[in-house]
Every structure is written in C-alpha cells, then in structure tokens.
N, C-alpha and C. Protein backbone atom coordinates (compact mmCIF):
# COMPACT_ATOMS: atom_id res chain seq x y z
N MET A 1 -75.75 104.61 78.32
CA MET A 1 -75.87 105.64 77.28
C MET A 1 -74.59 105.74 76.45
N LYS A 2 -73.43 105.68 77.12
CA LYS A 2 -72.16 105.75 76.41
C LYS A 2 -72.02 104.57 75.45
N LYS A 3 -72.45 103.37 75.91
CA LYS A 3 -72.37 102.19 75.05
C LYS A 3 -73.27 102.35 73.84
N THR A 4 -74.44 102.94 74.06
CA THR A 4 -75.37 103.15 72.96
C THR A 4 -74.79 104.10 71.93
N LEU A 5 -74.20 105.21 72.41
CA LEU A 5 -73.59 106.18 71.49
C LEU A 5 -72.41 105.58 70.74
N LEU A 6 -71.63 104.76 71.45
CA LEU A 6 -70.49 104.11 70.82
C LEU A 6 -70.96 103.16 69.72
N ALA A 7 -71.99 102.39 70.03
CA ALA A 7 -72.53 101.46 69.04
C ALA A 7 -73.08 102.19 67.82
N LEU A 8 -73.74 103.33 68.09
CA LEU A 8 -74.28 104.12 67.00
C LEU A 8 -73.15 104.68 66.13
N GLY A 9 -72.11 105.17 66.78
CA GLY A 9 -70.98 105.71 66.04
C GLY A 9 -70.30 104.66 65.18
N LEU A 10 -70.13 103.46 65.73
CA LEU A 10 -69.53 102.37 64.97
C LEU A 10 -70.41 101.98 63.79
N SER A 11 -71.73 101.99 64.03
CA SER A 11 -72.67 101.65 62.97
C SER A 11 -72.58 102.63 61.82
N ILE A 12 -72.52 103.94 62.14
CA ILE A 12 -72.43 104.97 61.11
C ILE A 12 -71.10 104.86 60.37
N ALA A 13 -70.03 104.59 61.12
CA ALA A 13 -68.71 104.49 60.51
C ALA A 13 -68.62 103.35 59.51
N CYS A 14 -69.44 102.31 59.74
CA CYS A 14 -69.39 101.15 58.87
C CYS A 14 -70.22 101.32 57.61
N LEU A 15 -70.98 102.39 57.52
CA LEU A 15 -71.85 102.58 56.37
C LEU A 15 -71.05 102.83 55.10
N ALA A 16 -70.02 103.64 55.18
CA ALA A 16 -69.23 103.98 54.00
C ALA A 16 -68.05 103.02 53.86
N PRO A 17 -67.78 102.53 52.64
CA PRO A 17 -66.63 101.65 52.44
C PRO A 17 -65.33 102.36 52.80
N ALA A 18 -64.37 101.59 53.25
CA ALA A 18 -63.09 102.16 53.64
C ALA A 18 -62.17 102.27 52.42
N ALA A 19 -61.26 103.22 52.48
CA ALA A 19 -60.29 103.39 51.40
C ALA A 19 -59.20 102.33 51.51
N ASP A 20 -58.64 101.91 50.36
CA ASP A 20 -57.51 101.01 50.41
C ASP A 20 -56.23 101.80 50.67
N LYS A 21 -55.11 101.14 50.63
CA LYS A 21 -53.84 101.79 51.02
C LYS A 21 -53.46 102.93 50.07
N ASP A 22 -54.02 102.92 48.86
CA ASP A 22 -53.73 103.98 47.90
C ASP A 22 -54.81 105.05 47.85
N GLY A 23 -55.81 104.94 48.74
CA GLY A 23 -56.85 105.96 48.82
C GLY A 23 -58.09 105.71 47.99
N TRP A 24 -58.16 104.58 47.30
CA TRP A 24 -59.32 104.28 46.46
C TRP A 24 -60.46 103.71 47.30
N ILE A 25 -61.68 104.15 47.00
CA ILE A 25 -62.88 103.70 47.71
C ILE A 25 -63.87 103.16 46.69
N SER A 26 -64.39 101.98 46.95
CA SER A 26 -65.34 101.36 46.03
C SER A 26 -66.71 102.04 46.12
N LEU A 27 -67.31 102.32 44.96
CA LEU A 27 -68.66 102.87 44.90
C LEU A 27 -69.69 101.83 44.46
N PHE A 28 -69.23 100.67 44.03
CA PHE A 28 -70.11 99.62 43.50
C PHE A 28 -69.67 98.29 44.08
N ASP A 29 -70.60 97.61 44.79
CA ASP A 29 -70.21 96.38 45.48
C ASP A 29 -70.21 95.14 44.59
N GLY A 30 -70.65 95.26 43.34
CA GLY A 30 -70.65 94.13 42.43
C GLY A 30 -71.76 93.13 42.68
N LYS A 31 -72.61 93.41 43.67
CA LYS A 31 -73.68 92.49 44.03
C LYS A 31 -75.06 93.11 43.92
N SER A 32 -75.12 94.43 44.06
CA SER A 32 -76.41 95.11 44.10
C SER A 32 -76.23 96.56 43.64
N LEU A 33 -77.33 97.29 43.61
CA LEU A 33 -77.30 98.71 43.29
C LEU A 33 -77.32 99.56 44.55
N ALA A 34 -76.87 99.00 45.66
CA ALA A 34 -76.81 99.74 46.91
C ALA A 34 -75.97 101.00 46.73
N GLY A 35 -76.53 102.15 47.14
CA GLY A 35 -75.82 103.41 47.00
C GLY A 35 -76.08 104.11 45.68
N TRP A 36 -76.91 103.51 44.84
CA TRP A 36 -77.21 104.09 43.54
C TRP A 36 -78.72 104.20 43.35
N LYS A 37 -79.17 105.18 42.58
CA LYS A 37 -80.61 105.39 42.37
C LYS A 37 -80.86 105.86 40.95
N ALA A 38 -81.78 105.17 40.26
CA ALA A 38 -82.14 105.55 38.90
C ALA A 38 -83.19 106.65 38.93
N ASN A 39 -83.07 107.61 38.02
CA ASN A 39 -84.05 108.70 37.99
C ASN A 39 -85.29 108.33 37.18
N GLU A 40 -85.20 107.29 36.36
CA GLU A 40 -86.34 106.77 35.60
C GLU A 40 -85.96 105.41 35.04
N ALA A 41 -86.94 104.65 34.56
CA ALA A 41 -86.70 103.33 33.95
C ALA A 41 -85.67 102.51 34.72
N PRO A 42 -85.95 102.18 36.00
CA PRO A 42 -84.96 101.47 36.81
C PRO A 42 -84.54 100.12 36.24
N ASP A 43 -85.36 99.50 35.41
CA ASP A 43 -84.99 98.21 34.84
C ASP A 43 -83.87 98.32 33.81
N THR A 44 -83.49 99.54 33.45
CA THR A 44 -82.35 99.73 32.55
C THR A 44 -81.05 99.27 33.20
N PHE A 45 -81.03 99.19 34.52
CA PHE A 45 -79.81 98.84 35.26
C PHE A 45 -80.01 97.55 36.05
N LYS A 46 -79.09 96.61 35.88
CA LYS A 46 -79.13 95.39 36.67
C LYS A 46 -77.70 94.93 36.94
N VAL A 47 -77.56 94.07 37.93
CA VAL A 47 -76.24 93.57 38.32
C VAL A 47 -76.20 92.06 38.09
N GLU A 48 -75.20 91.61 37.35
CA GLU A 48 -75.00 90.19 37.10
C GLU A 48 -73.50 89.89 37.07
N ASN A 49 -73.11 88.82 37.77
CA ASN A 49 -71.72 88.36 37.74
C ASN A 49 -70.72 89.46 38.06
N GLY A 50 -71.07 90.30 39.03
CA GLY A 50 -70.17 91.36 39.46
C GLY A 50 -70.13 92.57 38.55
N GLU A 51 -71.03 92.61 37.57
CA GLU A 51 -71.02 93.71 36.60
C GLU A 51 -72.33 94.48 36.64
N LEU A 52 -72.25 95.77 36.41
CA LEU A 52 -73.42 96.61 36.22
C LEU A 52 -73.72 96.62 34.73
N ILE A 53 -74.88 96.08 34.36
CA ILE A 53 -75.26 96.00 32.96
C ILE A 53 -76.30 97.08 32.66
N VAL A 54 -75.99 97.91 31.69
CA VAL A 54 -76.87 99.02 31.31
C VAL A 54 -77.50 98.66 29.97
N LYS A 55 -78.81 98.46 29.97
CA LYS A 55 -79.53 98.07 28.75
C LYS A 55 -81.00 98.41 28.92
N GLY A 56 -81.52 99.30 28.10
CA GLY A 56 -82.92 99.64 28.20
C GLY A 56 -83.20 101.08 27.83
N PRO A 57 -84.41 101.55 28.13
CA PRO A 57 -84.78 102.93 27.82
C PRO A 57 -83.89 103.94 28.52
N ARG A 58 -83.91 105.16 28.03
CA ARG A 58 -83.11 106.23 28.64
C ARG A 58 -83.32 106.30 30.14
N ALA A 59 -82.21 106.37 30.87
CA ALA A 59 -82.25 106.51 32.32
C ALA A 59 -80.85 106.88 32.80
N HIS A 60 -80.77 107.44 33.99
CA HIS A 60 -79.48 107.77 34.59
C HIS A 60 -79.44 107.24 36.00
N LEU A 61 -78.33 106.58 36.33
CA LEU A 61 -78.14 105.97 37.64
C LEU A 61 -77.18 106.84 38.44
N PHE A 62 -77.69 107.47 39.50
CA PHE A 62 -76.92 108.43 40.29
C PHE A 62 -76.34 107.77 41.53
N TYR A 63 -75.10 108.14 41.86
CA TYR A 63 -74.54 107.69 43.13
C TYR A 63 -75.14 108.51 44.26
N VAL A 64 -75.78 107.84 45.22
CA VAL A 64 -76.43 108.51 46.35
C VAL A 64 -75.96 107.90 47.67
N GLY A 65 -74.82 107.22 47.65
CA GLY A 65 -74.34 106.50 48.82
C GLY A 65 -73.65 107.38 49.84
N ASP A 66 -72.93 106.72 50.75
CA ASP A 66 -72.37 107.39 51.92
C ASP A 66 -70.98 107.99 51.71
N VAL A 67 -70.28 107.59 50.67
CA VAL A 67 -68.93 108.12 50.45
C VAL A 67 -68.99 109.61 50.16
N GLN A 68 -68.33 110.40 50.99
CA GLN A 68 -68.29 111.87 50.84
C GLN A 68 -69.69 112.50 50.86
N GLY A 69 -70.67 111.77 51.38
CA GLY A 69 -72.03 112.28 51.34
C GLY A 69 -72.53 112.46 49.90
N ALA A 70 -71.95 111.68 48.98
CA ALA A 70 -72.30 111.73 47.55
C ALA A 70 -72.10 113.14 46.98
N LYS A 71 -71.06 113.83 47.47
CA LYS A 71 -70.74 115.15 46.94
C LYS A 71 -69.22 115.24 46.80
N PHE A 72 -68.77 115.36 45.56
CA PHE A 72 -67.35 115.33 45.25
C PHE A 72 -66.94 116.62 44.53
N LYS A 73 -65.77 117.10 44.84
CA LYS A 73 -65.22 118.29 44.16
C LYS A 73 -63.95 117.89 43.42
N ASN A 74 -62.87 117.69 44.16
CA ASN A 74 -61.62 117.20 43.57
C ASN A 74 -61.56 115.69 43.79
N PHE A 75 -61.26 114.97 42.72
CA PHE A 75 -61.32 113.50 42.84
C PHE A 75 -60.65 112.86 41.63
N GLU A 76 -60.44 111.56 41.76
CA GLU A 76 -60.10 110.71 40.62
C GLU A 76 -61.08 109.55 40.62
N LEU A 77 -61.72 109.31 39.51
CA LEU A 77 -62.70 108.24 39.37
C LEU A 77 -62.20 107.28 38.31
N LYS A 78 -62.28 105.98 38.58
CA LYS A 78 -61.91 105.01 37.55
C LYS A 78 -62.97 103.92 37.47
N LEU A 79 -63.23 103.49 36.24
CA LEU A 79 -64.24 102.49 35.98
C LEU A 79 -63.72 101.53 34.90
N ASP A 80 -64.01 100.25 35.04
CA ASP A 80 -63.77 99.29 33.97
C ASP A 80 -65.04 99.20 33.15
N ILE A 81 -64.91 99.30 31.82
CA ILE A 81 -66.06 99.40 30.93
C ILE A 81 -65.88 98.46 29.74
N SER A 82 -66.99 97.87 29.31
CA SER A 82 -67.00 97.08 28.07
C SER A 82 -68.24 97.48 27.28
N THR A 83 -68.03 98.05 26.10
CA THR A 83 -69.15 98.45 25.26
C THR A 83 -69.50 97.33 24.28
N ARG A 84 -70.76 97.27 23.91
CA ARG A 84 -71.20 96.37 22.86
C ARG A 84 -71.37 97.19 21.58
N PRO A 85 -71.46 96.53 20.40
CA PRO A 85 -71.54 97.27 19.13
C PRO A 85 -72.65 98.32 19.12
N LYS A 86 -72.30 99.50 18.63
CA LYS A 86 -73.22 100.63 18.46
C LYS A 86 -73.85 101.09 19.76
N ALA A 87 -73.10 100.95 20.86
CA ALA A 87 -73.61 101.35 22.18
C ALA A 87 -73.16 102.76 22.53
N ASN A 88 -74.03 103.47 23.24
CA ASN A 88 -73.75 104.82 23.69
C ASN A 88 -74.09 104.93 25.17
N SER A 89 -73.21 105.55 25.92
CA SER A 89 -73.43 105.77 27.35
C SER A 89 -72.59 106.97 27.75
N GLY A 90 -72.49 107.21 29.04
CA GLY A 90 -71.68 108.31 29.52
C GLY A 90 -71.59 108.27 31.03
N VAL A 91 -70.60 108.95 31.56
CA VAL A 91 -70.41 109.08 33.00
C VAL A 91 -70.40 110.56 33.34
N TYR A 92 -71.33 110.99 34.17
CA TYR A 92 -71.42 112.39 34.59
C TYR A 92 -70.67 112.59 35.90
N PHE A 93 -70.09 113.78 36.06
CA PHE A 93 -69.54 114.16 37.36
C PHE A 93 -70.01 115.58 37.69
N HIS A 94 -69.96 115.91 38.98
CA HIS A 94 -70.46 117.20 39.49
C HIS A 94 -71.93 117.41 39.11
N THR A 95 -72.70 116.33 39.13
CA THR A 95 -74.10 116.42 38.78
C THR A 95 -74.96 116.24 40.02
N GLU A 96 -76.29 116.22 39.84
CA GLU A 96 -77.21 116.00 40.94
C GLU A 96 -78.44 115.28 40.44
N PHE A 97 -79.08 114.55 41.34
CA PHE A 97 -80.24 113.74 40.99
C PHE A 97 -81.36 114.63 40.45
N GLY A 98 -81.98 114.17 39.37
CA GLY A 98 -83.11 114.90 38.80
C GLY A 98 -83.66 114.13 37.62
N PRO A 99 -84.77 114.57 37.06
CA PRO A 99 -85.40 113.85 35.95
C PRO A 99 -84.70 114.08 34.63
N GLY A 100 -84.94 113.15 33.69
CA GLY A 100 -84.45 113.33 32.33
C GLY A 100 -82.94 113.35 32.22
N TRP A 101 -82.44 114.04 31.20
CA TRP A 101 -80.99 114.19 31.01
C TRP A 101 -80.46 115.11 32.11
N PRO A 102 -79.37 114.75 32.79
CA PRO A 102 -78.84 115.60 33.85
C PRO A 102 -78.56 117.02 33.36
N ALA A 103 -79.07 117.99 34.11
CA ALA A 103 -78.91 119.40 33.73
C ALA A 103 -77.64 120.01 34.29
N LYS A 104 -77.01 119.33 35.22
CA LYS A 104 -75.83 119.87 35.89
C LYS A 104 -74.65 118.93 35.68
N GLY A 105 -73.48 119.50 35.58
CA GLY A 105 -72.27 118.71 35.51
C GLY A 105 -71.80 118.42 34.09
N TYR A 106 -70.66 117.76 34.01
CA TYR A 106 -70.06 117.36 32.74
C TYR A 106 -70.36 115.90 32.46
N GLU A 107 -70.50 115.56 31.17
CA GLU A 107 -70.59 114.16 30.76
C GLU A 107 -69.30 113.74 30.09
N VAL A 108 -68.75 112.62 30.54
CA VAL A 108 -67.62 112.00 29.85
C VAL A 108 -68.20 110.88 29.00
N GLN A 109 -68.02 111.00 27.71
CA GLN A 109 -68.67 110.09 26.76
C GLN A 109 -68.15 108.66 26.87
N VAL A 110 -69.05 107.70 26.63
CA VAL A 110 -68.69 106.29 26.50
C VAL A 110 -69.33 105.81 25.19
N ASN A 111 -68.53 105.65 24.14
CA ASN A 111 -69.04 105.30 22.82
C ASN A 111 -67.86 104.98 21.92
N ASN A 112 -67.79 103.72 21.49
CA ASN A 112 -66.71 103.34 20.58
C ASN A 112 -67.18 103.15 19.14
N THR A 113 -68.45 102.73 18.94
CA THR A 113 -68.92 102.49 17.56
C THR A 113 -70.34 102.98 17.31
N HIS A 114 -70.93 103.69 18.26
CA HIS A 114 -72.25 104.29 18.03
C HIS A 114 -72.14 105.36 16.95
N GLY A 115 -73.27 105.69 16.30
CA GLY A 115 -73.26 106.67 15.22
C GLY A 115 -72.86 108.07 15.62
N ASP A 116 -73.00 108.41 16.89
CA ASP A 116 -72.54 109.72 17.36
C ASP A 116 -71.03 109.79 17.17
N PRO A 117 -70.51 110.81 16.48
CA PRO A 117 -69.07 110.88 16.23
C PRO A 117 -68.23 111.19 17.47
N LYS A 118 -68.88 111.58 18.56
CA LYS A 118 -68.15 111.92 19.78
C LYS A 118 -67.88 110.64 20.57
N LYS A 119 -66.60 110.32 20.71
CA LYS A 119 -66.21 109.01 21.22
C LYS A 119 -65.75 109.04 22.68
N THR A 120 -65.44 107.83 23.16
CA THR A 120 -65.13 107.57 24.56
C THR A 120 -64.06 108.51 25.13
N ALA A 121 -64.36 109.00 26.34
CA ALA A 121 -63.46 109.81 27.18
C ALA A 121 -63.42 111.27 26.78
N GLY A 122 -64.19 111.67 25.77
CA GLY A 122 -64.31 113.09 25.48
C GLY A 122 -65.26 113.77 26.46
N LEU A 123 -65.05 115.07 26.70
CA LEU A 123 -65.99 115.86 27.50
C LEU A 123 -67.09 116.33 26.54
N TYR A 124 -68.26 115.74 26.69
CA TYR A 124 -69.30 115.89 25.68
C TYR A 124 -69.68 117.36 25.45
N ASN A 125 -69.56 117.78 24.18
CA ASN A 125 -69.91 119.13 23.74
C ASN A 125 -69.05 120.22 24.39
N VAL A 126 -67.96 119.83 25.04
CA VAL A 126 -67.04 120.78 25.64
C VAL A 126 -65.65 120.60 25.02
N LYS A 127 -65.12 119.40 25.13
CA LYS A 127 -63.89 119.04 24.43
C LYS A 127 -64.05 117.58 24.00
N ASP A 128 -64.53 117.42 22.78
CA ASP A 128 -64.88 116.09 22.30
C ASP A 128 -63.67 115.33 21.79
N ASN A 129 -63.79 114.02 21.83
CA ASN A 129 -62.79 113.11 21.27
C ASN A 129 -63.44 112.40 20.09
N LEU A 130 -62.81 112.44 18.92
CA LEU A 130 -63.44 111.91 17.71
C LEU A 130 -62.85 110.58 17.25
N GLU A 131 -61.99 109.99 18.07
CA GLU A 131 -61.38 108.70 17.70
C GLU A 131 -61.55 107.72 18.86
N ALA A 132 -62.18 106.59 18.59
CA ALA A 132 -62.43 105.61 19.64
C ALA A 132 -61.11 105.07 20.20
N PRO A 133 -60.92 105.13 21.52
CA PRO A 133 -59.67 104.66 22.12
C PRO A 133 -59.71 103.20 22.56
N ALA A 134 -60.84 102.52 22.32
CA ALA A 134 -60.97 101.12 22.75
C ALA A 134 -61.90 100.40 21.77
N LYS A 135 -61.97 99.08 21.92
CA LYS A 135 -62.78 98.26 21.03
C LYS A 135 -63.99 97.70 21.78
N ASP A 136 -65.07 97.50 21.04
CA ASP A 136 -66.24 96.85 21.62
C ASP A 136 -65.87 95.45 22.08
N GLY A 137 -66.49 95.03 23.19
CA GLY A 137 -66.30 93.68 23.69
C GLY A 137 -65.04 93.46 24.50
N GLU A 138 -64.19 94.48 24.60
CA GLU A 138 -62.97 94.38 25.39
C GLU A 138 -63.05 95.33 26.58
N TRP A 139 -62.63 94.84 27.74
CA TRP A 139 -62.64 95.70 28.93
C TRP A 139 -61.53 96.75 28.84
N PHE A 140 -61.88 97.98 29.17
CA PHE A 140 -60.88 99.04 29.26
C PHE A 140 -61.15 99.84 30.53
N THR A 141 -60.13 100.51 31.02
CA THR A 141 -60.26 101.34 32.22
C THR A 141 -60.29 102.80 31.82
N MET A 142 -61.37 103.48 32.19
CA MET A 142 -61.47 104.91 31.95
C MET A 142 -61.31 105.64 33.27
N THR A 143 -60.48 106.66 33.26
CA THR A 143 -60.19 107.44 34.46
C THR A 143 -60.55 108.90 34.22
N ILE A 144 -61.19 109.50 35.21
CA ILE A 144 -61.54 110.92 35.17
C ILE A 144 -60.92 111.57 36.40
N LYS A 145 -60.14 112.62 36.20
CA LYS A 145 -59.50 113.31 37.32
C LYS A 145 -59.85 114.79 37.25
N VAL A 146 -60.31 115.33 38.37
CA VAL A 146 -60.67 116.74 38.45
C VAL A 146 -59.94 117.35 39.64
N VAL A 147 -59.17 118.40 39.38
CA VAL A 147 -58.51 119.17 40.43
C VAL A 147 -58.72 120.65 40.10
N GLY A 148 -59.46 121.33 40.94
CA GLY A 148 -59.79 122.71 40.63
C GLY A 148 -60.60 122.79 39.36
N LYS A 149 -60.13 123.56 38.39
CA LYS A 149 -60.81 123.69 37.10
C LYS A 149 -60.18 122.80 36.02
N HIS A 150 -59.28 121.92 36.44
CA HIS A 150 -58.53 121.10 35.49
C HIS A 150 -59.11 119.69 35.44
N VAL A 151 -59.45 119.22 34.23
CA VAL A 151 -60.01 117.89 34.02
C VAL A 151 -59.12 117.11 33.08
N THR A 152 -58.77 115.89 33.45
CA THR A 152 -58.09 114.98 32.54
C THR A 152 -58.86 113.68 32.49
N THR A 153 -58.95 113.10 31.31
CA THR A 153 -59.53 111.77 31.15
C THR A 153 -58.50 110.89 30.48
N SER A 154 -58.56 109.61 30.78
CA SER A 154 -57.63 108.68 30.15
C SER A 154 -58.30 107.33 29.95
N VAL A 155 -57.78 106.57 29.00
CA VAL A 155 -58.23 105.20 28.75
C VAL A 155 -57.01 104.31 28.74
N ASN A 156 -57.01 103.34 29.64
CA ASN A 156 -55.87 102.42 29.79
C ASN A 156 -54.55 103.17 29.94
N GLY A 157 -54.61 104.29 30.68
CA GLY A 157 -53.40 105.04 30.98
C GLY A 157 -53.02 106.09 29.95
N LYS A 158 -53.71 106.10 28.81
CA LYS A 158 -53.42 107.10 27.77
C LYS A 158 -54.34 108.30 27.95
N VAL A 159 -53.76 109.49 28.06
CA VAL A 159 -54.56 110.69 28.24
C VAL A 159 -55.34 110.99 26.96
N ILE A 160 -56.64 111.19 27.10
CA ILE A 160 -57.50 111.52 25.97
C ILE A 160 -57.86 113.00 25.97
N VAL A 161 -58.22 113.53 27.14
CA VAL A 161 -58.59 114.94 27.26
C VAL A 161 -57.79 115.58 28.38
N ASP A 162 -57.24 116.75 28.11
CA ASP A 162 -56.57 117.57 29.12
C ASP A 162 -57.15 118.96 28.96
N TYR A 163 -58.01 119.33 29.90
CA TYR A 163 -58.84 120.52 29.72
C TYR A 163 -58.88 121.36 30.98
N THR A 164 -58.72 122.64 30.82
CA THR A 164 -58.87 123.58 31.93
C THR A 164 -60.03 124.51 31.63
N GLU A 165 -60.99 124.53 32.50
CA GLU A 165 -62.18 125.35 32.28
C GLU A 165 -61.86 126.83 32.46
N GLU A 166 -62.30 127.61 31.50
CA GLU A 166 -62.20 129.05 31.56
C GLU A 166 -63.60 129.63 31.41
N GLU A 167 -63.78 130.87 31.82
CA GLU A 167 -65.08 131.52 31.66
C GLU A 167 -65.34 131.70 30.17
N GLN A 168 -66.42 131.10 29.70
CA GLN A 168 -66.74 131.15 28.29
C GLN A 168 -68.10 131.81 28.11
N PRO A 169 -68.15 132.98 27.48
CA PRO A 169 -69.42 133.71 27.35
C PRO A 169 -70.54 132.89 26.75
N GLN A 170 -70.20 131.99 25.78
CA GLN A 170 -71.25 131.24 25.13
C GLN A 170 -71.89 130.21 26.05
N ARG A 171 -71.29 129.97 27.22
CA ARG A 171 -71.83 128.97 28.14
C ARG A 171 -72.43 129.60 29.39
N LYS A 172 -72.45 130.93 29.47
CA LYS A 172 -73.02 131.57 30.65
C LYS A 172 -74.52 131.29 30.77
N SER A 173 -75.18 131.00 29.65
CA SER A 173 -76.60 130.72 29.69
C SER A 173 -76.92 129.37 30.30
N ASN A 174 -75.90 128.53 30.45
CA ASN A 174 -76.09 127.20 31.05
C ASN A 174 -75.03 126.98 32.11
N PRO A 175 -75.15 127.66 33.25
CA PRO A 175 -74.12 127.56 34.28
C PRO A 175 -73.98 126.17 34.88
N GLY A 176 -74.98 125.30 34.66
CA GLY A 176 -74.88 123.94 35.16
C GLY A 176 -73.73 123.18 34.54
N ARG A 177 -73.34 123.55 33.32
CA ARG A 177 -72.23 122.89 32.65
C ARG A 177 -70.90 123.52 33.02
N LEU A 178 -70.74 123.83 34.29
CA LEU A 178 -69.49 124.36 34.80
C LEU A 178 -69.02 123.50 35.95
N ILE A 179 -67.71 123.46 36.15
CA ILE A 179 -67.16 122.69 37.25
C ILE A 179 -67.62 123.28 38.57
N GLY A 180 -68.06 122.41 39.46
CA GLY A 180 -68.49 122.84 40.78
C GLY A 180 -68.27 121.72 41.77
N SER A 181 -69.34 121.04 42.12
CA SER A 181 -69.26 119.84 42.95
C SER A 181 -70.56 119.08 42.76
N GLY A 182 -70.55 117.83 43.14
CA GLY A 182 -71.75 117.03 42.99
C GLY A 182 -71.42 115.55 42.95
N THR A 183 -72.36 114.77 42.47
CA THR A 183 -72.21 113.33 42.47
C THR A 183 -71.91 112.81 41.07
N PHE A 184 -71.93 111.49 40.93
CA PHE A 184 -71.69 110.83 39.65
C PHE A 184 -72.98 110.22 39.14
N ALA A 185 -73.07 110.03 37.84
CA ALA A 185 -74.21 109.33 37.25
C ALA A 185 -73.74 108.55 36.03
N ILE A 186 -74.33 107.38 35.85
CA ILE A 186 -74.05 106.53 34.69
C ILE A 186 -75.27 106.54 33.79
N GLN A 187 -75.04 106.73 32.51
CA GLN A 187 -76.13 106.94 31.56
C GLN A 187 -76.55 105.66 30.84
N GLY A 188 -77.86 105.44 30.83
CA GLY A 188 -78.46 104.49 29.90
C GLY A 188 -79.02 105.33 28.77
N HIS A 189 -78.48 105.20 27.57
CA HIS A 189 -78.77 106.14 26.49
C HIS A 189 -80.02 105.80 25.70
N ASP A 190 -80.17 104.51 25.35
CA ASP A 190 -81.30 104.11 24.51
C ASP A 190 -81.42 102.58 24.56
N PRO A 191 -82.56 102.02 24.14
CA PRO A 191 -82.77 100.57 24.24
C PRO A 191 -81.79 99.74 23.42
N GLY A 192 -81.19 100.33 22.38
CA GLY A 192 -80.26 99.59 21.55
C GLY A 192 -78.83 99.57 22.06
N SER A 193 -78.56 100.28 23.14
CA SER A 193 -77.20 100.38 23.68
C SER A 193 -77.02 99.44 24.86
N VAL A 194 -75.95 98.64 24.83
CA VAL A 194 -75.62 97.73 25.92
C VAL A 194 -74.19 98.01 26.36
N ILE A 195 -74.01 98.32 27.63
CA ILE A 195 -72.70 98.64 28.19
C ILE A 195 -72.56 97.95 29.54
N HIS A 196 -71.39 97.39 29.80
CA HIS A 196 -71.11 96.76 31.09
C HIS A 196 -70.07 97.61 31.84
N TYR A 197 -70.31 97.78 33.14
CA TYR A 197 -69.38 98.49 34.02
C TYR A 197 -69.01 97.60 35.20
N LYS A 198 -67.81 97.77 35.73
CA LYS A 198 -67.42 97.10 36.97
C LYS A 198 -66.26 97.86 37.58
N ASN A 199 -65.90 97.48 38.81
CA ASN A 199 -64.74 98.08 39.49
C ASN A 199 -64.78 99.60 39.44
N ILE A 200 -65.81 100.15 40.06
CA ILE A 200 -66.00 101.61 40.08
C ILE A 200 -65.41 102.15 41.39
N PHE A 201 -64.34 102.92 41.28
CA PHE A 201 -63.62 103.41 42.45
C PHE A 201 -63.43 104.92 42.36
N VAL A 202 -63.45 105.57 43.51
CA VAL A 202 -63.15 107.00 43.57
C VAL A 202 -62.02 107.23 44.58
N LYS A 203 -61.19 108.21 44.28
CA LYS A 203 -60.16 108.66 45.23
C LYS A 203 -60.39 110.15 45.47
N PRO A 204 -60.96 110.52 46.62
CA PRO A 204 -61.13 111.96 46.91
C PRO A 204 -59.76 112.62 47.01
N LEU A 205 -59.67 113.84 46.48
CA LEU A 205 -58.41 114.59 46.50
C LEU A 205 -58.60 115.90 47.23
N PRO A 206 -57.53 116.46 47.79
CA PRO A 206 -57.64 117.73 48.51
C PRO A 206 -58.13 118.86 47.63
C-alpha cells in the first residue's frame, strides 16, 4: 500500500512542469495543446515547429493545466509573439473558461497594424496603448506582471503600461473587469488575423 501511495504521489508530482532556477514554469510544451482548451472553433489553434499558430474564426484558448491549478493571482507571464500584417489578438489574465468573449479578467492587447487603434501591451479599454511597440513578422517578448492591484506590461524590456487599479464607479456594473484571480487565455480574434506564439512561461509570485 505504501508503495502504491508513493507511486501515486510521484505520478501527481510529475504532472506539472518544474520551475527553472529563476522560478519560470513553462505553460506550453511546443508540441501540443496539452494543458489548454479552446472555448469554440478549436481549429483556430494549432501547433507547428514549436509555435502556437492562431488563425481562424473567433475563439479563446484557456490554460487549464496543472500549474497552480490554473488559478493565478500574483504572477509574471512572458510570451514570445510574432504578428502578421493587420492581425489582432490578445492575452487575458484573471479570467475563466466560458463561451464567447471572456467576461472576466483583463485583456492585454496584441496588435501592431490591425485597424483597431489600441495597440500591443495596452490594457484593453482600461489603459490603452496607441503606438505599436513592435513590427509585424518580428519576434518580440511581451511580459505581464501583476502584484496586488498593480499591473505592468512591457515589450522587449520596455514598460508600456504601469497601472494601479482603483475603485472606479463607471466599472462597478462590470465587476468581472477587476483584478482578482484566474487563468490565462489567448485570443483568436477573426479569420483574417494570424499570430504566432511560443515560449510561454509564468513565474508565480507571493
């Protein structure tokens, strides 16, 4: 019985990827969508050559894996991203699985040349960024850090948004758009948008 319990414990321990020496944990294995689940149009997401390719009808790919039980509060998330011309996407945090556009959490915009004036690394409709910080076809690293009510985003080490959430009466009608806790989601915006992601890592923080 002890051997059985030990084997079970080891099996469970191996489910979640281990952190590296700096505390980063991989959320994407570069080979499959293991640990991720699309809420609709699953063909919008595929994996090729170590990259997550987002192309197709509107859909959102939620992290549902074993790291932190897919529930994060304070964290640093970093992703390598390459947008194609006129592409629109986004990365949600503190969200939860559900149909359609995520109703909970913040969206960090991914858009360098799409017609929407709100560009990469802005907090969508909360603190927008109106100047593209990267070019289509070139890989850039976007980082999202949340500690308490404080959110910072950066692209290639340059801070784009530095925002502290305060109680805002105009947003009380939509409490889902407030900092809390939850998982991550990657957005497939429309059939004309093509975005590549890779090297998706999270560092849980106290």
